[in-house]
N, C-alpha and C. Protein backbone atom coordinates (compact mmCIF):
# COMPACT_ATOMS: atom_id res chain seq x y z
N UNK A 1 -8.55 -9.24 -20.62
CA UNK A 1 -9.75 -9.14 -19.64
C UNK A 1 -9.59 -10.84 -19.62
N UNK A 2 -10.43 -11.17 -18.52
CA UNK A 2 -10.49 -12.02 -17.97
C UNK A 2 -12.10 -12.86 -17.48
N UNK A 3 -13.41 -13.53 -18.20
CA UNK A 3 -14.26 -13.17 -17.98
C UNK A 3 -14.48 -14.97 -16.80
N UNK A 4 -14.80 -14.63 -15.79
CA UNK A 4 -14.84 -15.13 -14.66
C UNK A 4 -16.33 -15.75 -14.32
N UNK A 5 -16.78 -16.34 -13.15
CA UNK A 5 -18.16 -16.44 -12.46
C UNK A 5 -17.48 -15.80 -11.12
N UNK A 6 -18.02 -14.88 -10.29
CA UNK A 6 -17.73 -14.95 -8.76
C UNK A 6 -18.98 -14.65 -7.95
N UNK A 7 -19.14 -15.72 -7.20
CA UNK A 7 -20.07 -16.06 -6.57
C UNK A 7 -21.59 -16.17 -7.28
N UNK A 8 -21.23 -16.91 -7.94
CA UNK A 8 -22.56 -17.20 -9.23
C UNK A 8 -23.10 -16.14 -10.36
N UNK A 9 -22.49 -15.11 -10.27
CA UNK A 9 -22.36 -13.92 -11.18
C UNK A 9 -20.99 -13.80 -12.23
N UNK A 10 -21.63 -13.64 -13.41
CA UNK A 10 -20.45 -12.96 -14.64
C UNK A 10 -19.39 -11.78 -13.66
N UNK A 11 -18.07 -11.93 -14.19
CA UNK A 11 -17.63 -10.55 -13.40
C UNK A 11 -16.38 -10.65 -14.33
N UNK A 12 -16.20 -9.46 -15.25
CA UNK A 12 -14.59 -9.30 -15.12
C UNK A 12 -13.46 -8.98 -14.75
N UNK A 13 -12.10 -9.68 -14.92
CA UNK A 13 -11.42 -9.09 -14.22
C UNK A 13 -10.01 -8.81 -14.89
N UNK A 14 -8.96 -8.03 -14.45
CA UNK A 14 -7.77 -8.12 -15.63
C UNK A 14 -6.96 -9.24 -15.50
N UNK A 15 -6.05 -9.70 -16.39
CA UNK A 15 -5.52 -11.15 -16.89
C UNK A 15 -5.09 -11.45 -15.81
N UNK A 16 -4.00 -10.80 -14.96
CA UNK A 16 -2.80 -11.32 -14.11
C UNK A 16 -3.79 -10.69 -12.48
N UNK A 17 -4.98 -11.08 -12.61
CA UNK A 17 -6.03 -11.41 -11.23
C UNK A 17 -5.43 -12.58 -10.26
N UNK A 18 -5.43 -12.24 -9.59
CA UNK A 18 -5.08 -13.46 -8.45
C UNK A 18 -6.34 -13.68 -7.02
N UNK A 19 -6.54 -14.56 -6.74
CA UNK A 19 -7.23 -14.61 -5.78
C UNK A 19 -7.31 -14.00 -4.76
N UNK A 20 -6.07 -13.19 -4.04
CA UNK A 20 -6.12 -12.24 -3.07
C UNK A 20 -6.61 -10.91 -3.81
N UNK A 21 -6.14 -10.45 -5.04
CA UNK A 21 -7.16 -9.76 -5.53
C UNK A 21 -8.61 -9.40 -5.51
N UNK A 22 -9.28 -10.66 -5.78
CA UNK A 22 -10.43 -10.65 -6.15
C UNK A 22 -11.08 -10.58 -4.58
N UNK A 23 -10.61 -11.28 -3.44
CA UNK A 23 -10.74 -11.06 -2.10
C UNK A 23 -10.45 -9.77 -1.65
N UNK A 24 -9.52 -8.90 -2.09
CA UNK A 24 -9.55 -7.65 -1.61
C UNK A 24 -10.77 -7.06 -2.15
N UNK A 25 -11.13 -7.01 -3.78
CA UNK A 25 -11.95 -6.41 -3.98
C UNK A 25 -13.61 -6.62 -3.65
N UNK A 26 -13.61 -7.89 -2.92
CA UNK A 26 -14.85 -8.21 -2.74
C UNK A 26 -15.05 -7.74 -1.23
N UNK A 27 -14.30 -8.10 -0.45
CA UNK A 27 -14.33 -6.89 1.04
C UNK A 27 -13.78 -5.97 1.10
N UNK A 28 -13.41 -5.69 0.60
CA UNK A 28 -13.13 -3.46 -0.04
C UNK A 28 -12.46 -3.16 1.34
N UNK A 29 -11.27 -4.21 1.48
CA UNK A 29 -10.02 -3.95 2.41
C UNK A 29 -8.80 -4.39 1.69
N UNK A 30 -7.43 -3.53 2.09
CA UNK A 30 -6.33 -4.37 1.61
C UNK A 30 -5.89 -5.48 2.09
N UNK A 31 -5.14 -6.16 1.49
CA UNK A 31 -4.75 -7.51 1.97
C UNK A 31 -3.15 -7.49 1.51
N UNK A 32 -2.57 -8.10 2.04
CA UNK A 32 -1.11 -8.33 1.94
C UNK A 32 -1.03 -9.56 0.55
N UNK A 33 0.29 -9.95 0.41
CA UNK A 33 -0.17 -11.29 -0.24
C UNK A 33 -0.09 -12.66 0.11
N UNK A 34 -0.20 -12.55 1.34
CA UNK A 34 -0.20 -14.05 2.05
C UNK A 34 -1.84 -13.93 2.81
N UNK A 35 -2.68 -12.83 2.01
CA UNK A 35 -4.21 -12.96 2.27
C UNK A 35 -4.43 -12.08 3.43
N UNK A 36 -2.83 -12.23 4.30
CA UNK A 36 -3.43 -11.27 5.94
C UNK A 36 -4.02 -9.69 5.34
N UNK A 37 -5.18 -9.45 6.24
CA UNK A 37 -5.71 -7.94 6.11
C UNK A 37 -4.47 -6.60 6.68
N UNK A 38 -4.15 -5.82 6.04
CA UNK A 38 -3.50 -4.77 6.49
C UNK A 38 -3.86 -4.27 7.67
N UNK A 39 -4.77 -4.01 8.12
CA UNK A 39 -5.36 -3.36 8.89
C UNK A 39 -5.54 -4.30 10.76
N UNK A 40 -4.95 -5.38 10.24
CA UNK A 40 -4.75 -6.19 11.21
C UNK A 40 -6.32 -6.63 11.97
N UNK A 41 -7.21 -6.14 11.28
CA UNK A 41 -8.52 -7.29 11.95
C UNK A 41 -9.32 -8.72 11.14
N UNK A 42 -10.02 -9.00 11.83
CA UNK A 42 -9.90 -10.71 11.42
C UNK A 42 -10.39 -10.12 10.09
N UNK A 43 -10.10 -11.28 8.85
CA UNK A 43 -11.39 -11.70 7.90
C UNK A 43 -12.22 -12.39 7.82
N UNK A 44 -12.00 -13.31 8.43
CA UNK A 44 -13.25 -14.31 8.51
C UNK A 44 -13.83 -14.97 6.94
N UNK A 45 -13.09 -14.80 5.93
CA UNK A 45 -13.28 -15.31 4.29
C UNK A 45 -12.57 -16.74 4.28
N UNK A 46 -13.67 -17.53 3.15
CA UNK A 46 -12.96 -18.61 2.55
C UNK A 46 -12.95 -18.32 0.85
N UNK A 47 -12.54 -19.46 0.30
CA UNK A 47 -12.60 -19.24 -1.19
C UNK A 47 -12.24 -20.33 -1.73
N UNK A 48 -13.06 -20.99 -2.79
CA UNK A 48 -13.06 -22.00 -3.41
C UNK A 48 -13.02 -21.66 -5.42
N UNK A 49 -12.23 -22.37 -5.98
CA UNK A 49 -12.31 -21.68 -7.27
C UNK A 49 -12.19 -23.35 -8.19
N UNK A 50 -13.59 -23.29 -8.95
CA UNK A 50 -13.96 -24.18 -9.16
C UNK A 50 -13.78 -25.76 -8.47
N UNK A 51 -15.00 -25.27 -6.55
CA UNK A 51 -15.55 -26.10 -5.99
C UNK A 51 -14.11 -26.92 -5.21
N UNK A 52 -12.93 -26.32 -5.83
CA UNK A 52 -11.65 -26.74 -4.45
C UNK A 52 -11.36 -25.45 -3.48
N UNK A 53 -10.99 -25.54 -2.41
CA UNK A 53 -11.08 -25.17 -1.58
C UNK A 53 -9.53 -24.58 -1.50
N UNK A 54 -8.92 -22.78 -1.32
CA UNK A 54 -7.87 -22.44 -1.82
C UNK A 54 -7.02 -22.22 -0.01
N UNK A 55 -6.09 -22.82 0.01
CA UNK A 55 -6.02 -22.13 1.38
C UNK A 55 -5.61 -20.44 1.51
N UNK A 56 -5.62 -19.64 2.91
CA UNK A 56 -4.89 -18.32 2.32
C UNK A 56 -3.52 -18.19 2.01
N UNK A 57 -2.99 -19.39 2.76
CA UNK A 57 -1.53 -19.27 2.16
C UNK A 57 -1.12 -19.15 0.18
N UNK A 58 -2.05 -19.67 -0.02
CA UNK A 58 -1.63 -19.83 -1.67
C UNK A 58 -2.79 -18.60 -2.63
N UNK A 59 -3.76 -17.65 -1.72
CA UNK A 59 -4.50 -16.97 -2.71
C UNK A 59 -3.16 -15.82 -3.45
N UNK A 60 -2.57 -15.78 -2.45
CA UNK A 60 -1.48 -14.42 -3.29
C UNK A 60 -0.67 -15.05 -4.86
N UNK A 61 -0.66 -16.44 -4.80
CA UNK A 61 -0.13 -17.45 -6.02
C UNK A 61 -1.01 -18.42 -6.71
N UNK A 62 -2.19 -18.07 -6.43
CA UNK A 62 -3.26 -18.91 -7.43
C UNK A 62 -4.16 -17.67 -8.28
N UNK A 63 -3.33 -18.03 -9.36
CA UNK A 63 -3.62 -16.81 -10.44
C UNK A 63 -5.37 -17.37 -10.87
N UNK A 64 -6.58 -16.10 -11.58
CA UNK A 64 -7.80 -16.58 -11.97
C UNK A 64 -7.64 -16.74 -13.36
N UNK A 65 -8.33 -17.70 -13.48
CA UNK A 65 -8.06 -18.49 -15.28
C UNK A 65 -9.56 -17.92 -15.92
N UNK A 66 -9.53 -17.70 -16.93
CA UNK A 66 -10.41 -17.40 -17.91
C UNK A 66 -11.77 -18.92 -17.52
N UNK A 67 -12.77 -18.33 -17.14
CA UNK A 67 -14.21 -19.04 -16.98
C UNK A 67 -14.06 -20.34 -15.87
N UNK A 68 -12.91 -19.49 -14.81
CA UNK A 68 -13.09 -20.57 -13.79
C UNK A 68 -14.19 -20.13 -12.89
N UNK A 69 -15.07 -20.87 -11.85
CA UNK A 69 -16.00 -20.21 -10.87
C UNK A 69 -15.32 -20.00 -9.63
N UNK A 70 -15.51 -18.85 -9.22
CA UNK A 70 -14.84 -18.38 -7.79
C UNK A 70 -15.79 -18.14 -6.81
N UNK A 71 -15.85 -19.19 -5.43
CA UNK A 71 -16.85 -18.63 -4.49
C UNK A 71 -16.32 -17.81 -3.49
N UNK A 72 -16.83 -16.61 -2.94
CA UNK A 72 -15.78 -16.07 -1.54
C UNK A 72 -16.81 -16.33 -0.79
N UNK A 73 -16.68 -16.90 0.19
CA UNK A 73 -17.53 -16.99 1.12
C UNK A 73 -17.41 -16.28 2.46
N UNK A 74 -17.95 -14.93 3.15
CA UNK A 74 -17.23 -14.28 4.13
C UNK A 74 -18.57 -14.66 5.51
N UNK A 75 -18.44 -15.31 6.77
CA UNK A 75 -18.50 -15.49 7.86
C UNK A 75 -19.21 -14.27 8.43
N UNK A 76 -20.40 -14.45 9.01
CA UNK A 76 -21.67 -13.14 9.34
C UNK A 76 -21.80 -13.52 11.18
N UNK A 77 -21.42 -12.69 11.90
CA UNK A 77 -22.02 -12.62 13.22
C UNK A 77 -23.25 -12.83 13.37
N UNK A 78 -24.11 -13.34 14.54
CA UNK A 78 -24.99 -13.53 14.39
C UNK A 78 -26.11 -14.97 14.44
N UNK A 79 -27.55 -14.39 14.17
CA UNK A 79 -27.75 -15.63 13.88
C UNK A 79 -29.29 -15.07 12.79
């Protein structure tokens, strides 16, 4: 198990977790390895690991390591 900080809170994930796994868990939707939602709808999510933005094209290839801080930001419509 790997201890990280997810959106400012302690979080534990399996050792082989990638950014795409965390996003899928957070939004509650299945995602492909490229980060695209399998349901075809828009995702509206941005991810930063240790304050560096991770492009969606790299989510499936970016592992989450012990002690990292991950921020997952979801766009919300409205004001």
